[in-house]
Protein backbone atom coordinates (compact mmCIF):
# COMPACT_ATOMS: atom_id res chain seq x y z
CA MET A 1 100.94 73.99 73.48
CA SER A 2 104.12 74.56 72.66
CA ALA A 3 106.66 71.46 73.90
CA LEU A 4 108.01 73.76 76.48
CA THR A 5 104.84 73.76 77.90
CA ASP A 6 104.35 70.07 76.85
CA GLN A 7 107.19 70.31 78.97
CA ILE A 8 106.45 72.22 82.09
CA GLU A 9 103.23 70.28 82.38
CA ARG A 10 105.02 66.60 82.58
CA ASP A 11 107.52 68.45 84.81
CA LYS A 12 105.07 69.14 87.37
CA ALA A 13 103.38 66.03 87.63
CA THR A 14 106.37 64.57 88.40
CA PHE A 15 107.25 66.68 90.64
CA LEU A 16 103.79 66.43 92.80
CA ASN A 17 103.18 62.77 91.54
CA VAL A 18 103.38 60.80 95.64
CA ASP A 19 105.83 57.81 94.17
CA GLU A 20 108.36 60.19 93.20
CA TRP A 21 108.53 63.52 95.15
CA ALA A 22 105.45 64.20 96.43
CA LEU A 23 102.72 63.59 99.56
CA ALA A 24 99.57 62.62 99.36
CA ALA A 25 97.65 66.32 101.89
CA THR A 26 93.87 67.32 102.47
CA TYR A 27 93.74 71.23 101.53
CA ARG A 28 89.70 73.08 102.38
CA GLU A 29 89.54 76.54 102.32
CA ASN A 30 88.32 78.52 104.82
CA GLY A 31 86.55 80.93 102.56
CA SER A 32 87.21 83.46 104.61
CA GLY A 33 91.47 84.90 105.00
CA GLN A 34 89.73 86.06 108.09
CA ALA A 35 92.99 86.00 110.90
CA TYR A 36 91.58 84.27 114.35
CA GLU A 37 93.52 84.83 117.57
CA THR A 38 93.57 81.10 118.48
CA SER A 39 92.95 77.64 116.95
CA ALA A 40 90.52 77.24 119.15
CA GLN A 41 88.38 80.49 118.32
CA TYR A 42 88.82 78.85 114.65
CA GLU A 43 87.58 75.57 115.24
CA THR A 44 84.28 77.02 116.48
CA GLU A 45 84.03 79.33 114.42
CA THR A 46 85.09 78.62 111.35
CA PRO A 47 82.49 75.95 109.69
CA TYR A 48 84.24 75.80 107.10
CA ALA A 49 82.77 78.51 104.99
CA GLY A 50 80.45 75.84 102.95
CA THR A 51 83.96 74.19 101.88
CA SER A 52 84.45 70.86 101.46
CA ALA A 53 87.92 69.28 101.99
CA ALA A 54 90.18 68.33 98.78
CA GLU A 55 92.74 65.70 98.09
CA ILE A 56 95.83 67.01 97.06
CA ASN A 57 99.28 65.61 96.65
CA VAL A 58 102.32 68.72 97.40
CA LEU A 59 105.11 69.08 97.92
CA PHE A 60 106.34 69.40 102.02
CA ASP A 61 109.19 70.96 104.22
CA GLU A 62 109.36 71.83 107.89
CA HIS A 63 112.33 72.63 107.75
CA SER A 64 114.68 74.22 111.44
CA GLU A 65 116.51 76.34 111.36
CA VAL A 66 118.89 78.45 115.15
CA VAL A 67 117.86 81.95 114.64
CA ASP A 68 119.63 83.71 117.68
CA PRO A 69 117.18 87.21 118.23
CA GLN A 70 119.68 88.65 120.70
CA ASN A 71 122.26 85.91 121.89
CA VAL A 72 119.74 83.14 122.77
CA ASP A 73 119.72 80.63 120.40
CA VAL A 74 115.97 79.47 119.51
CA LEU A 75 115.56 76.28 117.51
CA THR A 76 112.35 77.37 115.10
CA THR A 77 110.38 75.62 112.15
CA ALA A 78 109.30 76.76 109.23
CA PRO A 79 106.83 74.92 107.17
CA THR A 80 105.84 75.17 103.70
CA ALA A 81 104.08 72.95 100.76
CA LEU A 82 104.12 73.89 97.28
CA ALA A 83 101.00 72.97 95.75
CA ALA A 84 100.26 72.87 91.50
CA THR A 85 98.53 76.57 91.79
CA SER A 86 95.11 74.32 89.51
CA ASP A 87 94.64 72.78 92.81
CA VAL A 88 94.95 75.73 95.22
CA PRO A 89 93.10 78.34 93.42
CA ASN A 90 91.80 80.93 96.44
CA ALA A 91 94.35 80.07 98.69
CA GLY A 92 93.94 82.18 101.75
CA ARG A 93 95.01 82.47 105.42
CA ASN A 94 94.24 79.84 107.84
CA ASP A 95 92.94 77.50 105.34
CA THR A 96 94.05 73.84 106.30
CA LEU A 97 96.15 71.59 104.95
CA VAL A 98 96.18 68.37 106.90
CA VAL A 99 99.14 66.61 106.17
CA ASP A 100 100.41 62.37 107.39
CA GLY A 101 98.02 63.70 109.80
CA VAL A 102 99.05 66.88 111.08
CA THR A 103 96.75 70.04 110.13
CA TYR A 104 98.63 72.80 108.56
CA TYR A 105 97.46 76.81 108.46
CA VAL A 106 97.81 78.95 105.93
CA MET A 107 99.77 82.27 106.94
CA HIS A 108 100.48 83.08 103.10
CA ALA A 109 100.27 81.31 99.81
CA ILE A 110 102.30 82.56 96.61
CA GLU A 111 101.73 82.33 93.85
CA ASP A 112 105.23 81.80 90.80
CA GLY A 113 103.20 82.23 87.62
CA ASP A 114 104.29 79.00 87.12
CA GLY A 115 101.53 77.04 88.02
CA TYR A 116 101.84 76.23 91.56
CA THR A 117 102.13 78.30 94.37
CA LEU A 118 104.04 77.90 97.26
CA LEU A 119 101.94 77.63 101.45
CA ILE A 120 103.71 79.15 103.87
CA LEU A 121 102.62 77.08 107.09
CA SER A 122 102.22 77.56 110.73
CA ARG A 123 100.52 74.13 112.90
CA HIS A 124 98.61 77.81 114.73
CA ALA A 125 96.03 79.59 113.41
CA VAL A 126 95.95 82.99 112.13
């Protein structure tokens, strides 16, 4: 590896270290990418497709913002988690991520090409 590649790998290890920036999380692939009407439907119809849970480290963010769709202020949250792509190589819709005891469902997974995947999350199956 080149010196730059080595430095990038060291930086990733620092960012995803629970003693530095990251939080420990439990990730599980749904295996189907299927959309569900409700969280209850997800729980009863998806036995996690035989996948096992993986303990990974993520940079988690659940910021909130006020939006004004039609002159009515609404507070929304947009939880995201940044993970090493190697930890979530097949990330897809309705995979689950448990952070601090709260289950989130993956709405979208966006690889950045530099070894990270941004997981756009929801508290409800999508």
